[in-house]
All heavy atoms as atom14 arrays in JSON, in Angstrom:
{
  "sequence": "LEAIRLYANKGIPIDNIKVICIIAAPEGIENIQKHYPDIEIITAAID",
  "atom14_mask": [
    [1, 1, 1, 1, 1, 1, 1, 1, 0, 0, 0, 0, 0, 0],
    [1, 1, 1, 1, 1, 1, 1, 1, 1, 0, 0, 0, 0, 0],
    [1, 1, 1, 1, 1, 0, 0, 0, 0, 0, 0, 0, 0, 0],
    [1, 1, 1, 1, 1, 1, 1, 1, 0, 0, 0, 0, 0, 0],
    [1, 1, 1, 1, 1, 1, 1, 1, 1, 1, 1, 0, 0, 0],
    [1, 1, 1, 1, 1, 1, 1, 1, 0, 0, 0, 0, 0, 0],
    [1, 1, 1, 1, 1, 1, 1, 1, 1, 1, 1, 1, 0, 0],
    [1, 1, 1, 1, 1, 0, 0, 0, 0, 0, 0, 0, 0, 0],
    [1, 1, 1, 1, 1, 1, 1, 1, 0, 0, 0, 0, 0, 0],
    [1, 1, 1, 1, 1, 1, 1, 1, 1, 0, 0, 0, 0, 0],
    [1, 1, 1, 1, 0, 0, 0, 0, 0, 0, 0, 0, 0, 0],
    [1, 1, 1, 1, 1, 1, 1, 1, 0, 0, 0, 0, 0, 0],
    [1, 1, 1, 1, 1, 1, 1, 0, 0, 0, 0, 0, 0, 0],
    [1, 1, 1, 1, 1, 1, 1, 1, 0, 0, 0, 0, 0, 0],
    [1, 1, 1, 1, 1, 1, 1, 1, 0, 0, 0, 0, 0, 0],
    [1, 1, 1, 1, 1, 1, 1, 1, 0, 0, 0, 0, 0, 0],
    [1, 1, 1, 1, 1, 1, 1, 1, 0, 0, 0, 0, 0, 0],
    [1, 1, 1, 1, 1, 1, 1, 1, 1, 0, 0, 0, 0, 0],
    [1, 1, 1, 1, 1, 1, 1, 0, 0, 0, 0, 0, 0, 0],
    [1, 1, 1, 1, 1, 1, 1, 1, 0, 0, 0, 0, 0, 0],
    [1, 1, 1, 1, 1, 1, 0, 0, 0, 0, 0, 0, 0, 0],
    [1, 1, 1, 1, 1, 1, 1, 1, 0, 0, 0, 0, 0, 0],
    [1, 1, 1, 1, 1, 1, 1, 1, 0, 0, 0, 0, 0, 0],
    [1, 1, 1, 1, 1, 0, 0, 0, 0, 0, 0, 0, 0, 0],
    [1, 1, 1, 1, 1, 0, 0, 0, 0, 0, 0, 0, 0, 0],
    [1, 1, 1, 1, 1, 1, 1, 0, 0, 0, 0, 0, 0, 0],
    [1, 1, 1, 1, 1, 1, 1, 1, 1, 0, 0, 0, 0, 0],
    [1, 1, 1, 1, 0, 0, 0, 0, 0, 0, 0, 0, 0, 0],
    [1, 1, 1, 1, 1, 1, 1, 1, 0, 0, 0, 0, 0, 0],
    [1, 1, 1, 1, 1, 1, 1, 1, 1, 0, 0, 0, 0, 0],
    [1, 1, 1, 1, 1, 1, 1, 1, 0, 0, 0, 0, 0, 0],
    [1, 1, 1, 1, 1, 1, 1, 1, 0, 0, 0, 0, 0, 0],
    [1, 1, 1, 1, 1, 1, 1, 1, 1, 0, 0, 0, 0, 0],
    [1, 1, 1, 1, 1, 1, 1, 1, 1, 0, 0, 0, 0, 0],
    [1, 1, 1, 1, 1, 1, 1, 1, 1, 1, 0, 0, 0, 0],
    [1, 1, 1, 1, 1, 1, 1, 1, 1, 1, 1, 1, 0, 0],
    [1, 1, 1, 1, 1, 1, 1, 0, 0, 0, 0, 0, 0, 0],
    [1, 1, 1, 1, 1, 1, 1, 1, 0, 0, 0, 0, 0, 0],
    [1, 1, 1, 1, 1, 1, 1, 1, 0, 0, 0, 0, 0, 0],
    [1, 1, 1, 1, 1, 1, 1, 1, 1, 0, 0, 0, 0, 0],
    [1, 1, 1, 1, 1, 1, 1, 1, 0, 0, 0, 0, 0, 0],
    [1, 1, 1, 1, 1, 1, 1, 1, 0, 0, 0, 0, 0, 0],
    [1, 1, 1, 1, 1, 1, 1, 0, 0, 0, 0, 0, 0, 0],
    [1, 1, 1, 1, 1, 0, 0, 0, 0, 0, 0, 0, 0, 0],
    [1, 1, 1, 1, 1, 0, 0, 0, 0, 0, 0, 0, 0, 0],
    [1, 1, 1, 1, 1, 1, 1, 1, 0, 0, 0, 0, 0, 0],
    [1, 1, 1, 1, 1, 1, 1, 1, 0, 0, 0, 0, 0, 0]
  ],
  "atom14_positions": [
    [[-114.57, -49.44, 139.26], [-113.6, -49.16, 138.27], [-114.19, -48.96, 136.9], [-113.9, -48.09, 136.1], [-112.58, -50.39, 138.12], [-111.35, -50.35, 138.99], [-110.59, -51.64, 138.83], [-110.47, -49.17, 138.59], [0.0, 0.0, 0.0], [0.0, 0.0, 0.0], [0.0, 0.0, 0.0], [0.0, 0.0, 0.0], [0.0, 0.0, 0.0], [0.0, 0.0, 0.0]],
    [[-115.25, -49.78, 136.63], [-115.94, -49.65, 135.37], [-116.7, -48.3, 135.29], [-116.66, -47.63, 134.19], [-117.06, -50.79, 135.22], [-116.42, -52.12, 134.87], [-115.76, -52.17, 133.52], [-116.38, -51.65, 132.61], [-114.72, -52.74, 133.43], [0.0, 0.0, 0.0], [0.0, 0.0, 0.0], [0.0, 0.0, 0.0], [0.0, 0.0, 0.0], [0.0, 0.0, 0.0]],
    [[-117.19, -47.91, 136.43], [-117.91, -46.53, 136.48], [-116.88, -45.46, 136.25], [-117.18, -44.47, 135.53], [-118.71, -46.4, 137.73], [0.0, 0.0, 0.0], [0.0, 0.0, 0.0], [0.0, 0.0, 0.0], [0.0, 0.0, 0.0], [0.0, 0.0, 0.0], [0.0, 0.0, 0.0], [0.0, 0.0, 0.0], [0.0, 0.0, 0.0], [0.0, 0.0, 0.0]],
    [[-115.8, -45.48, 136.94], [-114.75, -44.45, 136.82], [-114.26, -44.34, 135.35], [-114.14, -43.25, 134.73], [-113.52, -44.73, 137.7], [-113.97, -44.68, 139.18], [-112.42, -43.77, 137.42], [-112.92, -45.27, 140.1], [0.0, 0.0, 0.0], [0.0, 0.0, 0.0], [0.0, 0.0, 0.0], [0.0, 0.0, 0.0], [0.0, 0.0, 0.0], [0.0, 0.0, 0.0]],
    [[-114.05, -45.55, 134.76], [-113.55, -45.56, 133.35], [-114.59, -44.92, 132.37], [-114.17, -44.26, 131.43], [-113.26, -47.0, 132.96], [-112.56, -47.2, 131.59], [-112.15, -48.63, 131.44], [-111.15, -49.05, 132.33], [-111.4, -50.01, 133.25], [-112.49, -50.69, 133.35], [-110.38, -50.39, 134.07], [0.0, 0.0, 0.0], [0.0, 0.0, 0.0], [0.0, 0.0, 0.0]],
    [[-115.87, -45.16, 132.72], [-116.94, -44.55, 131.89], [-116.78, -43.04, 131.75], [-116.92, -42.45, 130.7], [-118.24, -44.88, 132.48], [-119.51, -44.79, 131.66], [-119.52, -45.64, 130.41], [-120.76, -45.04, 132.48], [0.0, 0.0, 0.0], [0.0, 0.0, 0.0], [0.0, 0.0, 0.0], [0.0, 0.0, 0.0], [0.0, 0.0, 0.0], [0.0, 0.0, 0.0]],
    [[-116.45, -42.33, 132.88], [-116.39, -40.88, 132.89], [-114.93, -40.49, 132.48], [-114.84, -39.43, 131.76], [-116.69, -40.4, 134.27], [-118.22, -40.44, 134.56], [-118.67, -41.44, 135.47], [-119.06, -39.56, 134.01], [-120.05, -41.47, 135.7], [-120.41, -39.61, 134.25], [-120.94, -40.55, 135.17], [-122.29, -40.65, 135.42], [0.0, 0.0, 0.0], [0.0, 0.0, 0.0]],
    [[-113.96, -41.17, 132.9], [-112.57, -40.78, 132.53], [-112.42, -40.87, 131.0], [-111.66, -40.0, 130.45], [-111.56, -41.69, 133.23], [0.0, 0.0, 0.0], [0.0, 0.0, 0.0], [0.0, 0.0, 0.0], [0.0, 0.0, 0.0], [0.0, 0.0, 0.0], [0.0, 0.0, 0.0], [0.0, 0.0, 0.0], [0.0, 0.0, 0.0], [0.0, 0.0, 0.0]],
    [[-113.04, -41.79, 130.31], [-112.84, -41.84, 128.91], [-113.55, -40.74, 128.16], [-113.32, -40.61, 126.97], [-113.47, -43.26, 128.43], [-112.56, -44.41, 128.8], [-111.44, -44.23, 129.15], [-113.12, -45.58, 128.65], [0.0, 0.0, 0.0], [0.0, 0.0, 0.0], [0.0, 0.0, 0.0], [0.0, 0.0, 0.0], [0.0, 0.0, 0.0], [0.0, 0.0, 0.0]],
    [[-114.35, -39.95, 128.86], [-114.93, -38.8, 128.27], [-114.07, -37.54, 128.42], [-114.42, -36.41, 127.95], [-116.34, -38.46, 128.88], [-117.39, -39.6, 128.59], [-118.7, -39.26, 129.25], [-119.74, -40.36, 129.02], [-120.06, -40.49, 127.56], [0.0, 0.0, 0.0], [0.0, 0.0, 0.0], [0.0, 0.0, 0.0], [0.0, 0.0, 0.0], [0.0, 0.0, 0.0]],
    [[-112.91, -37.75, 129.02], [-111.95, -36.62, 129.18], [-112.13, -35.86, 130.41], [-111.39, -34.81, 130.7], [0.0, 0.0, 0.0], [0.0, 0.0, 0.0], [0.0, 0.0, 0.0], [0.0, 0.0, 0.0], [0.0, 0.0, 0.0], [0.0, 0.0, 0.0], [0.0, 0.0, 0.0], [0.0, 0.0, 0.0], [0.0, 0.0, 0.0], [0.0, 0.0, 0.0]],
    [[-113.05, -36.29, 131.33], [-113.23, -35.58, 132.58], [-112.03, -35.84, 133.49], [-111.61, -36.99, 133.67], [-114.51, -36.09, 133.25], [-115.7, -35.75, 132.38], [-114.68, -35.46, 134.67], [-117.02, -36.37, 132.87], [0.0, 0.0, 0.0], [0.0, 0.0, 0.0], [0.0, 0.0, 0.0], [0.0, 0.0, 0.0], [0.0, 0.0, 0.0], [0.0, 0.0, 0.0]],
    [[-111.4, -34.79, 133.99], [-110.23, -34.93, 134.82], [-110.45, -35.82, 136.02], [-111.47, -35.73, 136.68], [-109.89, -33.48, 135.26], [-110.56, -32.62, 134.29], [-111.77, -33.31, 133.84], [0.0, 0.0, 0.0], [0.0, 0.0, 0.0], [0.0, 0.0, 0.0], [0.0, 0.0, 0.0], [0.0, 0.0, 0.0], [0.0, 0.0, 0.0], [0.0, 0.0, 0.0]],
    [[-109.46, -36.67, 136.31], [-109.61, -37.59, 137.47], [-109.84, -36.75, 138.76], [-110.55, -37.18, 139.66], [-108.39, -38.5, 137.59], [-108.49, -39.59, 136.48], [-108.31, -39.21, 138.93], [-109.7, -40.47, 136.54], [0.0, 0.0, 0.0], [0.0, 0.0, 0.0], [0.0, 0.0, 0.0], [0.0, 0.0, 0.0], [0.0, 0.0, 0.0], [0.0, 0.0, 0.0]],
    [[-109.21, -35.61, 138.85], [-109.37, -34.79, 140.1], [-110.77, -34.33, 140.24], [-111.16, -33.97, 141.35], [-108.49, -33.56, 139.99], [-107.05, -33.84, 140.22], [-106.75, -34.97, 140.73], [-106.19, -32.94, 139.94], [0.0, 0.0, 0.0], [0.0, 0.0, 0.0], [0.0, 0.0, 0.0], [0.0, 0.0, 0.0], [0.0, 0.0, 0.0], [0.0, 0.0, 0.0]],
    [[-111.58, -34.42, 139.17], [-113.04, -33.97, 139.29], [-113.97, -35.17, 139.5], [-115.17, -34.91, 139.56], [-113.49, -33.26, 137.96], [-112.81, -31.91, 137.8], [-111.89, -31.57, 138.53], [-113.23, -31.2, 136.81], [0.0, 0.0, 0.0], [0.0, 0.0, 0.0], [0.0, 0.0, 0.0], [0.0, 0.0, 0.0], [0.0, 0.0, 0.0], [0.0, 0.0, 0.0]],
    [[-113.41, -36.38, 139.58], [-114.17, -37.55, 139.82], [-113.88, -38.08, 141.27], [-112.71, -38.24, 141.54], [-113.92, -38.62, 138.79], [-114.18, -38.16, 137.4], [-114.77, -39.85, 139.04], [-113.72, -39.04, 136.24], [0.0, 0.0, 0.0], [0.0, 0.0, 0.0], [0.0, 0.0, 0.0], [0.0, 0.0, 0.0], [0.0, 0.0, 0.0], [0.0, 0.0, 0.0]],
    [[-114.95, -38.33, 142.03], [-114.74, -38.82, 143.37], [-115.62, -40.13, 143.55], [-116.64, -40.21, 143.04], [-115.11, -37.8, 144.4], [-114.2, -36.6, 144.33], [-114.47, -35.69, 145.63], [-113.58, -34.46, 145.54], [-112.13, -34.75, 145.63], [0.0, 0.0, 0.0], [0.0, 0.0, 0.0], [0.0, 0.0, 0.0], [0.0, 0.0, 0.0], [0.0, 0.0, 0.0]],
    [[-115.02, -41.01, 144.31], [-115.76, -42.21, 144.71], [-116.23, -42.0, 146.13], [-115.39, -41.66, 147.05], [-114.85, -43.44, 144.66], [-115.57, -44.66, 145.28], [-114.47, -43.77, 143.25], [0.0, 0.0, 0.0], [0.0, 0.0, 0.0], [0.0, 0.0, 0.0], [0.0, 0.0, 0.0], [0.0, 0.0, 0.0], [0.0, 0.0, 0.0], [0.0, 0.0, 0.0]],
    [[-117.54, -42.21, 146.39], [-118.1, -42.0, 147.72], [-118.71, -43.37, 148.13], [-119.66, -43.83, 147.48], [-119.16, -40.97, 147.75], [-118.55, -39.6, 147.13], [-119.6, -40.73, 149.18], [-119.58, -38.49, 147.07], [0.0, 0.0, 0.0], [0.0, 0.0, 0.0], [0.0, 0.0, 0.0], [0.0, 0.0, 0.0], [0.0, 0.0, 0.0], [0.0, 0.0, 0.0]],
    [[-118.23, -43.93, 149.21], [-118.77, -45.2, 149.75], [-118.86, -45.09, 151.27], [-118.18, -44.19, 151.82], [-117.96, -46.38, 149.33], [-116.21, -46.32, 149.8], [0.0, 0.0, 0.0], [0.0, 0.0, 0.0], [0.0, 0.0, 0.0], [0.0, 0.0, 0.0], [0.0, 0.0, 0.0], [0.0, 0.0, 0.0], [0.0, 0.0, 0.0], [0.0, 0.0, 0.0]],
    [[-119.59, -45.96, 151.86], [-119.75, -45.96, 153.31], [-118.67, -46.91, 153.97], [-118.01, -46.49, 154.92], [-121.17, -46.36, 153.74], [-122.16, -45.33, 153.2], [-121.28, -46.51, 155.23], [-123.62, -45.74, 153.49], [0.0, 0.0, 0.0], [0.0, 0.0, 0.0], [0.0, 0.0, 0.0], [0.0, 0.0, 0.0], [0.0, 0.0, 0.0], [0.0, 0.0, 0.0]],
    [[-118.53, -48.07, 153.41], [-117.56, -49.01, 154.01], [-116.67, -49.5, 152.84], [-117.19, -49.9, 151.74], [-118.25, -50.23, 154.65], [-119.13, -49.75, 155.75], [-117.21, -51.19, 155.12], [-119.96, -50.91, 156.35], [0.0, 0.0, 0.0], [0.0, 0.0, 0.0], [0.0, 0.0, 0.0], [0.0, 0.0, 0.0], [0.0, 0.0, 0.0], [0.0, 0.0, 0.0]],
    [[-115.39, -49.52, 153.07], [-114.42, -49.92, 152.02], [-113.52, -51.05, 152.46], [-113.19, -51.08, 153.69], [-113.56, -48.71, 151.54], [0.0, 0.0, 0.0], [0.0, 0.0, 0.0], [0.0, 0.0, 0.0], [0.0, 0.0, 0.0], [0.0, 0.0, 0.0], [0.0, 0.0, 0.0], [0.0, 0.0, 0.0], [0.0, 0.0, 0.0], [0.0, 0.0, 0.0]],
    [[-113.15, -51.9, 151.58], [-112.16, -52.98, 151.96], [-110.8, -52.52, 151.38], [-110.72, -51.9, 150.29], [-112.59, -54.31, 151.29], [0.0, 0.0, 0.0], [0.0, 0.0, 0.0], [0.0, 0.0, 0.0], [0.0, 0.0, 0.0], [0.0, 0.0, 0.0], [0.0, 0.0, 0.0], [0.0, 0.0, 0.0], [0.0, 0.0, 0.0], [0.0, 0.0, 0.0]],
    [[-109.74, -52.82, 152.05], [-108.38, -52.48, 151.55], [-108.12, -53.05, 150.16], [-107.52, -52.33, 149.39], [-107.45, -53.13, 152.56], [-108.25, -53.28, 153.85], [-109.65, -53.55, 153.37], [0.0, 0.0, 0.0], [0.0, 0.0, 0.0], [0.0, 0.0, 0.0], [0.0, 0.0, 0.0], [0.0, 0.0, 0.0], [0.0, 0.0, 0.0], [0.0, 0.0, 0.0]],
    [[-108.66, -54.23, 149.86], [-108.39, -54.86, 148.53], [-109.05, -53.97, 147.43], [-108.53, -53.78, 146.37], [-108.96, -56.24, 148.52], [-108.27, -57.23, 149.46], [-108.96, -57.38, 150.75], [-109.58, -56.36, 151.21], [-108.94, -58.44, 151.4], [0.0, 0.0, 0.0], [0.0, 0.0, 0.0], [0.0, 0.0, 0.0], [0.0, 0.0, 0.0], [0.0, 0.0, 0.0]],
    [[-110.31, -53.49, 147.76], [-110.96, -52.66, 146.67], [-110.28, -51.37, 146.5], [-110.13, -50.88, 145.31], [0.0, 0.0, 0.0], [0.0, 0.0, 0.0], [0.0, 0.0, 0.0], [0.0, 0.0, 0.0], [0.0, 0.0, 0.0], [0.0, 0.0, 0.0], [0.0, 0.0, 0.0], [0.0, 0.0, 0.0], [0.0, 0.0, 0.0], [0.0, 0.0, 0.0]],
    [[-109.86, -50.75, 147.61], [-109.06, -49.45, 147.44], [-107.82, -49.64, 146.6], [-107.51, -48.83, 145.7], [-108.71, -48.91, 148.84], [-110.01, -48.5, 149.65], [-107.78, -47.68, 148.76], [-109.73, -48.09, 151.02], [0.0, 0.0, 0.0], [0.0, 0.0, 0.0], [0.0, 0.0, 0.0], [0.0, 0.0, 0.0], [0.0, 0.0, 0.0], [0.0, 0.0, 0.0]],
    [[-107.1, -50.68, 146.94], [-105.83, -50.96, 146.14], [-106.14, -51.23, 144.72], [-105.41, -50.82, 143.85], [-105.14, -52.17, 146.85], [-104.49, -51.81, 148.19], [-103.95, -53.0, 148.92], [-104.07, -54.1, 148.37], [-103.54, -52.85, 150.06], [0.0, 0.0, 0.0], [0.0, 0.0, 0.0], [0.0, 0.0, 0.0], [0.0, 0.0, 0.0], [0.0, 0.0, 0.0]],
    [[-107.22, -51.96, 144.39], [-107.61, -52.22, 143.06], [-107.85, -50.94, 142.26], [-107.4, -50.77, 141.11], [-108.84, -53.13, 143.03], [-109.17, -53.7, 141.6], [-108.29, -53.69, 140.68], [-110.4, -54.08, 141.5], [0.0, 0.0, 0.0], [0.0, 0.0, 0.0], [0.0, 0.0, 0.0], [0.0, 0.0, 0.0], [0.0, 0.0, 0.0], [0.0, 0.0, 0.0]],
    [[-108.61, -50.0, 142.91], [-108.87, -48.77, 142.16], [-107.57, -47.92, 142.08], [-107.32, -47.38, 141.01], [-109.91, -48.01, 142.98], [-111.35, -48.65, 142.83], [-110.03, -46.52, 142.56], [-112.4, -48.02, 143.62], [0.0, 0.0, 0.0], [0.0, 0.0, 0.0], [0.0, 0.0, 0.0], [0.0, 0.0, 0.0], [0.0, 0.0, 0.0], [0.0, 0.0, 0.0]],
    [[-106.83, -47.9, 143.09], [-105.56, -47.06, 142.99], [-104.53, -47.59, 142.02], [-103.73, -46.89, 141.52], [-104.92, -46.93, 144.43], [-105.77, -46.06, 145.34], [-105.11, -45.84, 146.67], [-104.33, -46.59, 147.13], [-105.56, -44.75, 147.39], [0.0, 0.0, 0.0], [0.0, 0.0, 0.0], [0.0, 0.0, 0.0], [0.0, 0.0, 0.0], [0.0, 0.0, 0.0]],
    [[-104.62, -48.91, 141.77], [-103.66, -49.51, 140.8], [-104.01, -48.89, 139.44], [-103.07, -48.74, 138.62], [-103.86, -50.97, 140.81], [-102.99, -51.73, 139.85], [-103.07, -53.23, 140.03], [-104.47, -53.77, 139.68], [-104.56, -55.29, 139.77], [0.0, 0.0, 0.0], [0.0, 0.0, 0.0], [0.0, 0.0, 0.0], [0.0, 0.0, 0.0], [0.0, 0.0, 0.0]],
    [[-105.22, -48.64, 139.09], [-105.62, -48.14, 137.82], [-105.76, -46.56, 137.75], [-105.46, -46.01, 136.78], [-106.95, -48.79, 137.36], [-106.83, -50.22, 137.19], [-107.08, -51.12, 138.2], [-106.63, -51.0, 136.01], [-106.91, -52.35, 137.75], [-106.68, -52.37, 136.52], [0.0, 0.0, 0.0], [0.0, 0.0, 0.0], [0.0, 0.0, 0.0], [0.0, 0.0, 0.0]],
    [[-106.22, -46.02, 138.89], [-106.4, -44.58, 138.97], [-105.84, -44.1, 140.33], [-106.5, -43.77, 141.24], [-107.88, -44.24, 138.89], [-108.53, -44.59, 137.61], [-109.26, -45.76, 137.46], [-108.38, -43.79, 136.45], [-109.86, -46.1, 136.23], [-108.98, -44.11, 135.25], [-109.68, -45.3, 135.11], [-110.26, -45.62, 133.87], [0.0, 0.0, 0.0], [0.0, 0.0, 0.0]],
    [[-104.49, -43.96, 140.39], [-103.83, -43.61, 141.59], [-104.17, -42.25, 142.19], [-103.95, -42.0, 143.37], [-102.34, -43.71, 141.24], [-102.33, -43.53, 139.77], [-103.56, -44.2, 139.28], [0.0, 0.0, 0.0], [0.0, 0.0, 0.0], [0.0, 0.0, 0.0], [0.0, 0.0, 0.0], [0.0, 0.0, 0.0], [0.0, 0.0, 0.0], [0.0, 0.0, 0.0]],
    [[-104.65, -41.36, 141.29], [-104.94, -39.98, 141.75], [-106.4, -39.75, 142.14], [-106.73, -38.58, 142.55], [-104.51, -38.96, 140.67], [-103.04, -39.03, 140.48], [-102.27, -39.2, 141.47], [-102.61, -38.84, 139.27], [0.0, 0.0, 0.0], [0.0, 0.0, 0.0], [0.0, 0.0, 0.0], [0.0, 0.0, 0.0], [0.0, 0.0, 0.0], [0.0, 0.0, 0.0]],
    [[-107.24, -40.73, 142.02], [-108.69, -40.5, 142.31], [-108.85, -40.47, 143.85], [-108.17, -41.24, 144.62], [-109.56, -41.55, 141.66], [-111.03, -41.01, 141.62], [-109.53, -42.87, 142.41], [-111.87, -41.76, 140.62], [0.0, 0.0, 0.0], [0.0, 0.0, 0.0], [0.0, 0.0, 0.0], [0.0, 0.0, 0.0], [0.0, 0.0, 0.0], [0.0, 0.0, 0.0]],
    [[-109.75, -39.58, 144.31], [-110.0, -39.53, 145.77], [-111.2, -40.42, 146.1], [-112.19, -40.42, 145.42], [-110.31, -38.1, 146.18], [-110.48, -37.97, 147.69], [-110.62, -36.55, 148.18], [-111.3, -35.83, 147.44], [-110.03, -36.17, 149.21], [0.0, 0.0, 0.0], [0.0, 0.0, 0.0], [0.0, 0.0, 0.0], [0.0, 0.0, 0.0], [0.0, 0.0, 0.0]],
    [[-111.0, -41.12, 147.2], [-112.08, -42.04, 147.74], [-112.48, -41.44, 149.07], [-111.69, -41.31, 149.96], [-111.58, -43.47, 147.93], [-111.12, -44.08, 146.52], [-112.63, -44.38, 148.56], [-110.4, -45.36, 146.62], [0.0, 0.0, 0.0], [0.0, 0.0, 0.0], [0.0, 0.0, 0.0], [0.0, 0.0, 0.0], [0.0, 0.0, 0.0], [0.0, 0.0, 0.0]],
    [[-113.78, -41.24, 149.27], [-114.34, -40.7, 150.49], [-115.11, -41.8, 151.07], [-116.04, -42.32, 150.47], [-115.17, -39.46, 150.25], [-114.31, -38.36, 149.62], [-115.78, -38.95, 151.54], [-115.01, -37.17, 149.1], [0.0, 0.0, 0.0], [0.0, 0.0, 0.0], [0.0, 0.0, 0.0], [0.0, 0.0, 0.0], [0.0, 0.0, 0.0], [0.0, 0.0, 0.0]],
    [[-114.85, -42.16, 152.35], [-115.55, -43.29, 152.97], [-115.7, -42.99, 154.44], [-115.1, -42.11, 155.03], [-114.76, -44.63, 152.74], [-115.52, -45.67, 153.28], [-113.43, -44.53, 153.39], [0.0, 0.0, 0.0], [0.0, 0.0, 0.0], [0.0, 0.0, 0.0], [0.0, 0.0, 0.0], [0.0, 0.0, 0.0], [0.0, 0.0, 0.0], [0.0, 0.0, 0.0]],
    [[-116.58, -43.77, 155.13], [-116.78, -43.69, 156.53], [-115.94, -44.68, 157.32], [-115.76, -44.47, 158.49], [-118.24, -43.83, 156.86], [0.0, 0.0, 0.0], [0.0, 0.0, 0.0], [0.0, 0.0, 0.0], [0.0, 0.0, 0.0], [0.0, 0.0, 0.0], [0.0, 0.0, 0.0], [0.0, 0.0, 0.0], [0.0, 0.0, 0.0], [0.0, 0.0, 0.0]],
    [[-115.53, -45.77, 156.62], [-114.75, -46.8, 157.31], [-113.95, -47.62, 156.34], [-114.37, -47.89, 155.2], [-115.66, -47.72, 158.13], [0.0, 0.0, 0.0], [0.0, 0.0, 0.0], [0.0, 0.0, 0.0], [0.0, 0.0, 0.0], [0.0, 0.0, 0.0], [0.0, 0.0, 0.0], [0.0, 0.0, 0.0], [0.0, 0.0, 0.0], [0.0, 0.0, 0.0]],
    [[-112.75, -48.06, 156.78], [-111.94, -49.01, 156.04], [-111.89, -50.25, 156.87], [-111.37, -50.28, 158.02], [-110.47, -48.53, 155.75], [-110.55, -47.24, 154.86], [-109.75, -49.62, 155.0], [-109.16, -46.59, 154.72], [0.0, 0.0, 0.0], [0.0, 0.0, 0.0], [0.0, 0.0, 0.0], [0.0, 0.0, 0.0], [0.0, 0.0, 0.0], [0.0, 0.0, 0.0]],
    [[-112.56, -51.33, 156.41], [-112.66, -52.52, 157.19], [-111.53, -53.42, 157.03], [-110.49, -53.11, 156.32], [-113.98, -53.24, 156.83], [-115.15, -52.68, 157.62], [-115.02, -51.68, 158.22], [-116.23, -53.33, 157.54], [0.0, 0.0, 0.0], [0.0, 0.0, 0.0], [0.0, 0.0, 0.0], [0.0, 0.0, 0.0], [0.0, 0.0, 0.0], [0.0, 0.0, 0.0]]
  ]
}
């Protein structure tokens, strides 16, 4: 979230920012989507 905010605050469109992770927890996904609902998360697994 801190990293996304760093770039979003520069005016970069959220559609142009992607989160790439290997393993994701549902709680983390929900936390990010609560603040940035339109950002895309690319992952190999949701645990």
